[in-house]
Structure formats: C-alpha cells, structure tokens
Amino acid sequence: MSSLWITITNFGGAAVTVPAAAALTLWLLSARAWRMAFTWVALFTVGALVVAASKVMFLGWGLGVRELDFTGVSGHTMLAATVYPVIAWLLLRHLAWPWRVLGMIAAAAGSVAVGASRVALSAHSVSETVAGCVVGFAVCAAFAWRTRRDATPNLKTLPMAASLFVLVMWLHGERVPTQRWITHIALTLSGREHPFRRISWHARKPAPVSVTPAPLPGASTPVPAR
C-alpha cells in the first residue's frame, strides 16, 4: 500500500509540478495570452512563497500551532492543487460547462489524493495538507477570477495535453532538494545551527499550570504536618 501512496505523492513533487507550471506558461505565451501568462506566473509564485515562508518560520524560529500539529503548509499538496486544476481549466475551456466542471472535480480530487498520501506517509499532518489544499485552490480560484474576462486563448488542446502528460510522466519520481534549500535559508536567516524538528518541538510543549482554588471565606487553613 505504501508504494501506491508513494506513486501518488510523487505527482505533487516540485520536480514534476514546477516544470509543468513552466510548460503551461510557455503554452500561454505561444498563444499570445500575455496577461493570462503573467497572472499565472504571479499567482503561482505567491502560492510557492506562502509555503516556503511557513516552513522557514518553523525551521528557523519554531513558529507553528502545536494544537493542530501544524509546522508549515504542505508543498506537495499546494503544488498539486494549483497546477492540475488550472491545467484542466485551460484544456476544457472550449467544452460545455458540465464537462469543464467534471474535469475540475477530477483534478481537484487528484490533488486531495496527493494530500492524503502525505498524511499516509507521515510526511505531513492533516492540518498541513488541508492548508496546502486551501492555498492551492485559492490560487486556482484567483486565476479563474482574474482571467474571467480574458479572451479564450487559442491553445492547441491536443498537443498541449499530450506534451504535459509526457512531461509529467517523464519526471514522475524525480527528486528536487527543496526541503534542504528551505532549511538552509531558515538557518541563514535565524542564525541557528540546527533547525527545529517536529518531535523536539512537541516535547517542549509547556505543561499546563495548575491553579489552586482559593479557600472559601471563613474556612480554616490546614496546617502542614511536621
């Protein structure tokens, strides 16, 4: 079962999704959809920066939410929830709305599956994958809203779909040391020698302070035994 989760999780890796996002940008530029391409790059960058910032804050300063087991937004989930729904949105823009909705639902379901795989593989907590979905789908919604009045780009649907499919399958399973890069940035900015870790971070959770109830008026104060 773990091999299946690994297969699913690799679809959200930066080695797959970032080149797919770049290829999508090139297709938009080839269709002369300048504003749409710029909007896509800007929003994708914002989503990636949100993930990186959340991880840097934890690794460098231990900032997170212990009650939710939250140490940073899941990058795999965010990237999957950003790239695949937008690809589906653009490829299906010429079709009737029911097909577009079904395509978007399928892409969103695949993104959620990537998030589930991160939890199953103990790479992230539920709160971190939910945050990844929220950020990724927010980027998709912002892209759709910002480009709603733009003319439908003259994209070559079949060549575009085929090229993106080949690219994703070719890069599937490759690795990019993004976590190591982010850790290096966090240590450089914070001045620490070692990053915060989830286990030690939880171990330092402050114990609840016990409050002794005040004695009632007129009640005698017990004398400690000697």
C-alpha atoms as a PDB file:
ATOM      1  CA  MET A   1       0.000   0.000   0.000  1.00  0.00           C
ATOM      2  CA  SER A   2       2.894   2.352   0.750  1.00  0.00           C
ATOM      3  CA  SER A   3       4.152   2.002  -2.830  1.00  0.00           C
ATOM      4  CA  LEU A   4       0.769   3.255  -4.066  1.00  0.00           C
ATOM      5  CA  TRP A   5       0.943   6.260  -1.752  1.00  0.00           C
ATOM      6  CA  ILE A   6       4.481   6.999  -2.952  1.00  0.00           C
ATOM      7  CA  THR A   7       3.302   6.855  -6.560  1.00  0.00           C
ATOM      8  CA  ILE A   8       0.507   9.295  -5.789  1.00  0.00           C
ATOM      9  CA  THR A   9       2.659  11.646  -3.727  1.00  0.00           C
ATOM     10  CA  ASN A  10       5.262  11.933  -6.487  1.00  0.00           C
ATOM     11  CA  PHE A  11       2.697  13.682  -8.689  1.00  0.00           C
ATOM     12  CA  GLY A  12       2.887  16.610  -6.278  1.00  0.00           C
ATOM     13  CA  GLY A  13       6.667  16.857  -6.167  1.00  0.00           C
ATOM     14  CA  ALA A  14       8.371  20.052  -7.279  1.00  0.00           C
ATOM     15  CA  ALA A  15      10.349  18.060  -9.857  1.00  0.00           C
ATOM     16  CA  VAL A  16       7.036  17.382 -11.642  1.00  0.00           C
ATOM     17  CA  THR A  17       4.760  20.315 -10.896  1.00  0.00           C
ATOM     18  CA  VAL A  18       7.198  23.205 -11.359  1.00  0.00           C
ATOM     19  CA  PRO A  19       8.239  22.114 -14.891  1.00  0.00           C
ATOM     20  CA  ALA A  20       4.545  21.511 -15.667  1.00  0.00           C
ATOM     21  CA  ALA A  21       3.759  25.050 -14.492  1.00  0.00           C
ATOM     22  CA  ALA A  22       6.598  26.391 -16.650  1.00  0.00           C
ATOM     23  CA  ALA A  23       5.357  24.423 -19.663  1.00  0.00           C
ATOM     24  CA  LEU A  24       1.872  25.809 -19.107  1.00  0.00           C
ATOM     25  CA  THR A  25       3.350  29.315 -19.129  1.00  0.00           C
ATOM     26  CA  LEU A  26       5.073  28.618 -22.450  1.00  0.00           C
ATOM     27  CA  TRP A  27       1.816  27.382 -23.969  1.00  0.00           C
ATOM     28  CA  LEU A  28       0.052  30.564 -22.863  1.00  0.00           C
ATOM     29  CA  LEU A  29       2.835  32.703 -24.296  1.00  0.00           C
ATOM     30  CA  SER A  30       2.731  30.786 -27.579  1.00  0.00           C
ATOM     31  CA  ALA A  31      -0.985  31.601 -27.769  1.00  0.00           C
ATOM     32  CA  ARG A  32      -0.166  35.292 -27.143  1.00  0.00           C
ATOM     33  CA  ALA A  33      -2.165  35.245 -23.919  1.00  0.00           C
ATOM     34  CA  TRP A  34       0.281  37.655 -22.300  1.00  0.00           C
ATOM     35  CA  ARG A  35      -1.902  38.828 -19.433  1.00  0.00           C
ATOM     36  CA  MET A  36      -3.044  35.311 -18.602  1.00  0.00           C
ATOM     37  CA  ALA A  37       0.545  34.044 -18.594  1.00  0.00           C
ATOM     38  CA  PHE A  38       1.666  36.882 -16.301  1.00  0.00           C
ATOM     39  CA  THR A  39      -1.279  36.263 -13.958  1.00  0.00           C
ATOM     40  CA  TRP A  40      -0.459  32.570 -13.795  1.00  0.00           C
ATOM     41  CA  VAL A  41       3.221  33.134 -13.012  1.00  0.00           C
ATOM     42  CA  ALA A  42       2.440  35.766 -10.373  1.00  0.00           C
ATOM     43  CA  LEU A  43      -0.167  33.684  -8.557  1.00  0.00           C
ATOM     44  CA  PHE A  44       1.907  30.511  -8.729  1.00  0.00           C
ATOM     45  CA  THR A  45       4.845  32.404  -7.237  1.00  0.00           C
ATOM     46  CA  VAL A  46       2.680  33.770  -4.419  1.00  0.00           C
ATOM     47  CA  GLY A  47       1.476  30.266  -3.550  1.00  0.00           C
ATOM     48  CA  ALA A  48       5.030  28.912  -3.522  1.00  0.00           C
ATOM     49  CA  LEU A  49       6.206  31.784  -1.322  1.00  0.00           C
ATOM     50  CA  VAL A  50       3.423  31.108   1.194  1.00  0.00           C
ATOM     51  CA  VAL A  51       4.617  27.505   1.512  1.00  0.00           C
ATOM     52  CA  ALA A  52       8.277  28.488   1.773  1.00  0.00           C
ATOM     53  CA  ALA A  53       7.595  31.225   4.331  1.00  0.00           C
ATOM     54  CA  SER A  54       5.566  28.918   6.578  1.00  0.00           C
ATOM     55  CA  LYS A  55       8.345  26.326   6.561  1.00  0.00           C
ATOM     56  CA  VAL A  56      11.107  28.867   7.122  1.00  0.00           C
ATOM     57  CA  MET A  57       9.269  30.275  10.133  1.00  0.00           C
ATOM     58  CA  PHE A  58       9.058  26.844  11.716  1.00  0.00           C
ATOM     59  CA  LEU A  59      12.529  25.567  10.829  1.00  0.00           C
ATOM     60  CA  GLY A  60      14.226  28.787  11.858  1.00  0.00           C
ATOM     61  CA  TRP A  61      12.117  30.008  14.775  1.00  0.00           C
ATOM     62  CA  GLY A  62       9.831  27.114  15.740  1.00  0.00           C
ATOM     63  CA  LEU A  63       6.685  29.033  14.841  1.00  0.00           C
ATOM     64  CA  GLY A  64       3.705  26.731  14.405  1.00  0.00           C
ATOM     65  CA  VAL A  65       0.483  25.579  16.011  1.00  0.00           C
ATOM     66  CA  ARG A  66       1.064  22.668  18.379  1.00  0.00           C
ATOM     67  CA  GLU A  67      -2.639  22.074  18.972  1.00  0.00           C
ATOM     68  CA  LEU A  68      -3.100  21.400  15.244  1.00  0.00           C
ATOM     69  CA  ASP A  69       0.301  19.752  14.733  1.00  0.00           C
ATOM     70  CA  PHE A  70       0.988  22.450  12.139  1.00  0.00           C
ATOM     71  CA  THR A  71       4.604  23.172  11.170  1.00  0.00           C
ATOM     72  CA  GLY A  72       4.113  24.516   7.641  1.00  0.00           C
ATOM     73  CA  VAL A  73       1.950  24.299   4.533  1.00  0.00           C
ATOM     74  CA  SER A  74       2.357  21.042   2.595  1.00  0.00           C
ATOM     75  CA  GLY A  75       4.251  21.905  -0.581  1.00  0.00           C
ATOM     76  CA  HIS A  76       3.293  18.741  -2.468  1.00  0.00           C
ATOM     77  CA  THR A  77      -0.382  19.364  -1.772  1.00  0.00           C
ATOM     78  CA  MET A  78      -0.248  23.046  -2.645  1.00  0.00           C
ATOM     79  CA  LEU A  79       1.586  22.433  -5.921  1.00  0.00           C
ATOM     80  CA  ALA A  80      -0.797  19.667  -6.975  1.00  0.00           C
ATOM     81  CA  ALA A  81      -3.862  21.716  -6.003  1.00  0.00           C
ATOM     82  CA  THR A  82      -2.518  24.647  -8.005  1.00  0.00           C
ATOM     83  CA  VAL A  83      -1.132  23.097 -11.192  1.00  0.00           C
ATOM     84  CA  TYR A  84      -3.521  20.297 -12.129  1.00  0.00           C
ATOM     85  CA  PRO A  85      -6.841  22.152 -11.723  1.00  0.00           C
ATOM     86  CA  VAL A  86      -5.515  25.120 -13.734  1.00  0.00           C
ATOM     87  CA  ILE A  87      -4.322  22.787 -16.488  1.00  0.00           C
ATOM     88  CA  ALA A  88      -7.778  21.174 -16.548  1.00  0.00           C
ATOM     89  CA  TRP A  89      -9.431  24.605 -16.570  1.00  0.00           C
ATOM     90  CA  LEU A  90      -7.465  25.747 -19.605  1.00  0.00           C
ATOM     91  CA  LEU A  91      -7.731  22.489 -21.541  1.00  0.00           C
ATOM     92  CA  LEU A  92     -11.500  22.309 -21.081  1.00  0.00           C
ATOM     93  CA  ARG A  93     -12.398  25.974 -21.680  1.00  0.00           C
ATOM     94  CA  HIS A  94     -13.812  25.192 -25.131  1.00  0.00           C
ATOM     95  CA  LEU A  95     -16.158  22.478 -23.806  1.00  0.00           C
ATOM     96  CA  ALA A  96     -19.628  22.852 -22.333  1.00  0.00           C
ATOM     97  CA  TRP A  97     -19.767  23.728 -18.650  1.00  0.00           C
ATOM     98  CA  PRO A  98     -20.742  20.239 -17.376  1.00  0.00           C
ATOM     99  CA  TRP A  99     -17.557  18.767 -18.848  1.00  0.00           C
ATOM    100  CA  ARG A 100     -15.486  21.608 -17.501  1.00  0.00           C
ATOM    101  CA  VAL A 101     -16.936  21.091 -14.026  1.00  0.00           C
ATOM    102  CA  LEU A 102     -16.299  17.343 -14.163  1.00  0.00           C
ATOM    103  CA  GLY A 103     -12.740  17.931 -15.295  1.00  0.00           C
ATOM    104  CA  MET A 104     -12.122  20.378 -12.482  1.00  0.00           C
ATOM    105  CA  ILE A 105     -13.630  17.985  -9.939  1.00  0.00           C
ATOM    106  CA  ALA A 106     -11.373  15.186 -11.184  1.00  0.00           C
ATOM    107  CA  ALA A 107      -8.299  17.431 -10.985  1.00  0.00           C
ATOM    108  CA  ALA A 108      -9.272  18.619  -7.506  1.00  0.00           C
ATOM    109  CA  ALA A 109      -9.834  15.019  -6.368  1.00  0.00           C
ATOM    110  CA  GLY A 110      -6.376  14.098  -7.614  1.00  0.00           C
ATOM    111  CA  SER A 111      -4.912  16.996  -5.646  1.00  0.00           C
ATOM    112  CA  VAL A 112      -6.705  15.863  -2.491  1.00  0.00           C
ATOM    113  CA  ALA A 113      -5.325  12.360  -3.083  1.00  0.00           C
ATOM    114  CA  VAL A 114      -1.808  13.827  -3.099  1.00  0.00           C
ATOM    115  CA  GLY A 115      -2.583  15.469   0.230  1.00  0.00           C
ATOM    116  CA  ALA A 116      -3.901  12.188   1.629  1.00  0.00           C
ATOM    117  CA  SER A 117      -0.709  10.465   0.536  1.00  0.00           C
ATOM    118  CA  ARG A 118       1.369  12.968   2.509  1.00  0.00           C
ATOM    119  CA  VAL A 119      -0.564  12.084   5.654  1.00  0.00           C
ATOM    120  CA  ALA A 120      -0.403   8.344   4.936  1.00  0.00           C
ATOM    121  CA  LEU A 121       3.372   8.564   4.502  1.00  0.00           C
ATOM    122  CA  SER A 122       3.715  10.579   7.748  1.00  0.00           C
ATOM    123  CA  ALA A 123       5.280  13.449   5.800  1.00  0.00           C
ATOM    124  CA  HIS A 124       2.654  15.945   6.962  1.00  0.00           C
ATOM    125  CA  SER A 125      -0.195  16.269   9.410  1.00  0.00           C
ATOM    126  CA  VAL A 126      -3.824  16.637   8.401  1.00  0.00           C
ATOM    127  CA  SER A 127      -3.778  20.366   9.174  1.00  0.00           C
ATOM    128  CA  GLU A 128      -0.740  20.887   6.941  1.00  0.00           C
ATOM    129  CA  THR A 129      -2.310  19.100   3.977  1.00  0.00           C
ATOM    130  CA  VAL A 130      -5.595  20.944   4.467  1.00  0.00           C
ATOM    131  CA  ALA A 131      -3.617  24.195   4.423  1.00  0.00           C
ATOM    132  CA  GLY A 132      -1.949  23.038   1.196  1.00  0.00           C
ATOM    133  CA  CYS A 133      -5.337  22.431  -0.396  1.00  0.00           C
ATOM    134  CA  VAL A 134      -6.622  25.805   0.775  1.00  0.00           C
ATOM    135  CA  VAL A 135      -3.644  27.700  -0.636  1.00  0.00           C
ATOM    136  CA  GLY A 136      -3.608  25.737  -3.898  1.00  0.00           C
ATOM    137  CA  PHE A 137      -7.324  26.012  -4.577  1.00  0.00           C
ATOM    138  CA  ALA A 138      -7.202  29.700  -3.633  1.00  0.00           C
ATOM    139  CA  VAL A 139      -4.568  30.233  -6.328  1.00  0.00           C
ATOM    140  CA  CYS A 140      -6.791  28.411  -8.833  1.00  0.00           C
ATOM    141  CA  ALA A 141      -9.824  30.474  -7.872  1.00  0.00           C
ATOM    142  CA  ALA A 142      -7.836  33.701  -8.091  1.00  0.00           C
ATOM    143  CA  PHE A 143      -6.532  32.718 -11.530  1.00  0.00           C
ATOM    144  CA  ALA A 144     -10.025  31.921 -12.802  1.00  0.00           C
ATOM    145  CA  TRP A 145     -11.402  35.166 -11.365  1.00  0.00           C
ATOM    146  CA  ARG A 146      -8.620  37.375 -12.704  1.00  0.00           C
ATOM    147  CA  THR A 147      -8.868  35.896 -16.213  1.00  0.00           C
ATOM    148  CA  ARG A 148     -12.647  35.525 -16.413  1.00  0.00           C
ATOM    149  CA  ARG A 149     -12.979  38.399 -18.908  1.00  0.00           C
ATOM    150  CA  ASP A 150      -9.919  37.481 -20.964  1.00  0.00           C
ATOM    151  CA  ALA A 151     -10.450  36.076 -24.423  1.00  0.00           C
ATOM    152  CA  THR A 152     -10.169  32.312 -24.569  1.00  0.00           C
ATOM    153  CA  PRO A 153      -6.570  31.627 -25.638  1.00  0.00           C
ATOM    154  CA  ASN A 154      -6.105  29.785 -28.894  1.00  0.00           C
ATOM    155  CA  LEU A 155      -4.373  26.830 -27.287  1.00  0.00           C
ATOM    156  CA  LYS A 156      -3.710  23.703 -29.292  1.00  0.00           C
ATOM    157  CA  THR A 157      -5.564  21.449 -26.913  1.00  0.00           C
ATOM    158  CA  LEU A 158      -4.392  18.007 -28.027  1.00  0.00           C
ATOM    159  CA  PRO A 159      -0.681  18.888 -28.446  1.00  0.00           C
ATOM    160  CA  MET A 160      -0.755  20.782 -25.157  1.00  0.00           C
ATOM    161  CA  ALA A 161      -2.423  17.912 -23.279  1.00  0.00           C
ATOM    162  CA  ALA A 162      -0.058  15.363 -24.832  1.00  0.00           C
ATOM    163  CA  SER A 163       3.066  17.390 -24.051  1.00  0.00           C
ATOM    164  CA  LEU A 164       2.034  17.993 -20.435  1.00  0.00           C
ATOM    165  CA  PHE A 165       1.164  14.326 -19.960  1.00  0.00           C
ATOM    166  CA  VAL A 166       4.529  13.193 -21.352  1.00  0.00           C
ATOM    167  CA  LEU A 167       6.361  15.767 -19.233  1.00  0.00           C
ATOM    168  CA  VAL A 168       4.604  14.751 -16.013  1.00  0.00           C
ATOM    169  CA  MET A 169       5.105  11.026 -16.596  1.00  0.00           C
ATOM    170  CA  TRP A 170       8.732  11.515 -17.622  1.00  0.00           C
ATOM    171  CA  LEU A 171       9.595  13.496 -14.486  1.00  0.00           C
ATOM    172  CA  HIS A 172       7.459  11.403 -12.131  1.00  0.00           C
ATOM    173  CA  GLY A 173       9.639  10.003  -9.383  1.00  0.00           C
ATOM    174  CA  GLU A 174      12.432  12.561  -9.764  1.00  0.00           C
ATOM    175  CA  ARG A 175      13.596  14.478  -6.704  1.00  0.00           C
ATOM    176  CA  VAL A 176      14.448  18.130  -6.084  1.00  0.00           C
ATOM    177  CA  PRO A 177      16.074  19.012  -2.700  1.00  0.00           C
ATOM    178  CA  THR A 178      13.625  21.813  -1.950  1.00  0.00           C
ATOM    179  CA  GLN A 179      13.471  20.946   1.764  1.00  0.00           C
ATOM    180  CA  ARG A 180      17.249  21.210   2.033  1.00  0.00           C
ATOM    181  CA  TRP A 181      17.210  24.598   0.308  1.00  0.00           C
ATOM    182  CA  ILE A 182      14.449  25.900   2.553  1.00  0.00           C
ATOM    183  CA  THR A 183      16.265  24.611   5.643  1.00  0.00           C
ATOM    184  CA  HIS A 184      19.434  26.409   4.548  1.00  0.00           C
ATOM    185  CA  ILE A 185      17.505  29.659   4.107  1.00  0.00           C
ATOM    186  CA  ALA A 186      15.850  29.252   7.519  1.00  0.00           C
ATOM    187  CA  LEU A 187      19.164  28.661   9.301  1.00  0.00           C
ATOM    188  CA  THR A 188      20.821  31.559   7.499  1.00  0.00           C
ATOM    189  CA  LEU A 189      18.055  33.982   8.434  1.00  0.00           C
ATOM    190  CA  SER A 190      17.618  32.797  12.022  1.00  0.00           C
ATOM    191  CA  GLY A 191      21.300  32.288  12.798  1.00  0.00           C
ATOM    192  CA  ARG A 192      20.650  28.858  14.263  1.00  0.00           C
ATOM    193  CA  GLU A 193      22.953  25.892  13.745  1.00  0.00           C
ATOM    194  CA  HIS A 194      20.186  23.306  13.684  1.00  0.00           C
ATOM    195  CA  PRO A 195      16.574  23.554  12.504  1.00  0.00           C
ATOM    196  CA  PHE A 196      13.567  22.917  14.694  1.00  0.00           C
ATOM    197  CA  ARG A 197      12.186  19.377  14.421  1.00  0.00           C
ATOM    198  CA  ARG A 198       8.617  18.269  14.921  1.00  0.00           C
ATOM    199  CA  ILE A 199       9.396  15.710  17.658  1.00  0.00           C
ATOM    200  CA  SER A 200      11.549  18.011  19.796  1.00  0.00           C
ATOM    201  CA  TRP A 201       9.134  20.895  19.168  1.00  0.00           C
ATOM    202  CA  HIS A 202       6.256  18.848  20.607  1.00  0.00           C
ATOM    203  CA  ALA A 203       8.436  17.703  23.501  1.00  0.00           C
ATOM    204  CA  ARG A 204       8.947  21.319  24.560  1.00  0.00           C
ATOM    205  CA  LYS A 205       5.230  21.940  24.905  1.00  0.00           C
ATOM    206  CA  PRO A 206       4.759  23.817  28.186  1.00  0.00           C
ATOM    207  CA  ALA A 207       2.957  21.910  30.896  1.00  0.00           C
ATOM    208  CA  PRO A 208      -0.395  23.343  31.986  1.00  0.00           C
ATOM    209  CA  VAL A 209      -0.176  25.496  35.093  1.00  0.00           C
ATOM    210  CA  SER A 210      -2.150  24.037  37.987  1.00  0.00           C
ATOM    211  CA  VAL A 211      -4.232  26.611  39.788  1.00  0.00           C
ATOM    212  CA  THR A 212      -5.028  26.025  43.462  1.00  0.00           C
ATOM    213  CA  PRO A 213      -8.532  27.208  44.258  1.00  0.00           C
ATOM    214  CA  ALA A 214      -8.715  29.973  46.814  1.00  0.00           C
ATOM    215  CA  PRO A 215     -10.152  28.945  50.226  1.00  0.00           C
ATOM    216  CA  LEU A 216     -13.723  29.913  50.941  1.00  0.00           C
ATOM    217  CA  PRO A 217     -14.318  32.770  53.386  1.00  0.00           C
ATOM    218  CA  GLY A 218     -14.280  31.506  56.920  1.00  0.00           C
ATOM    219  CA  ALA A 219     -12.682  28.233  56.037  1.00  0.00           C
ATOM    220  CA  SER A 220      -9.777  27.191  58.254  1.00  0.00           C
ATOM    221  CA  THR A 221      -6.380  26.913  56.610  1.00  0.00           C
ATOM    222  CA  PRO A 222      -4.907  23.405  57.022  1.00  0.00           C
ATOM    223  CA  VAL A 223      -1.659  23.231  58.983  1.00  0.00           C
ATOM    224  CA  PRO A 224       1.037  21.134  57.300  1.00  0.00           C
ATOM    225  CA  ALA A 225       2.143  18.095  59.250  1.00  0.00           C
ATOM    226  CA  ARG A 226       5.637  18.131  60.768  1.00  0.00           C
END
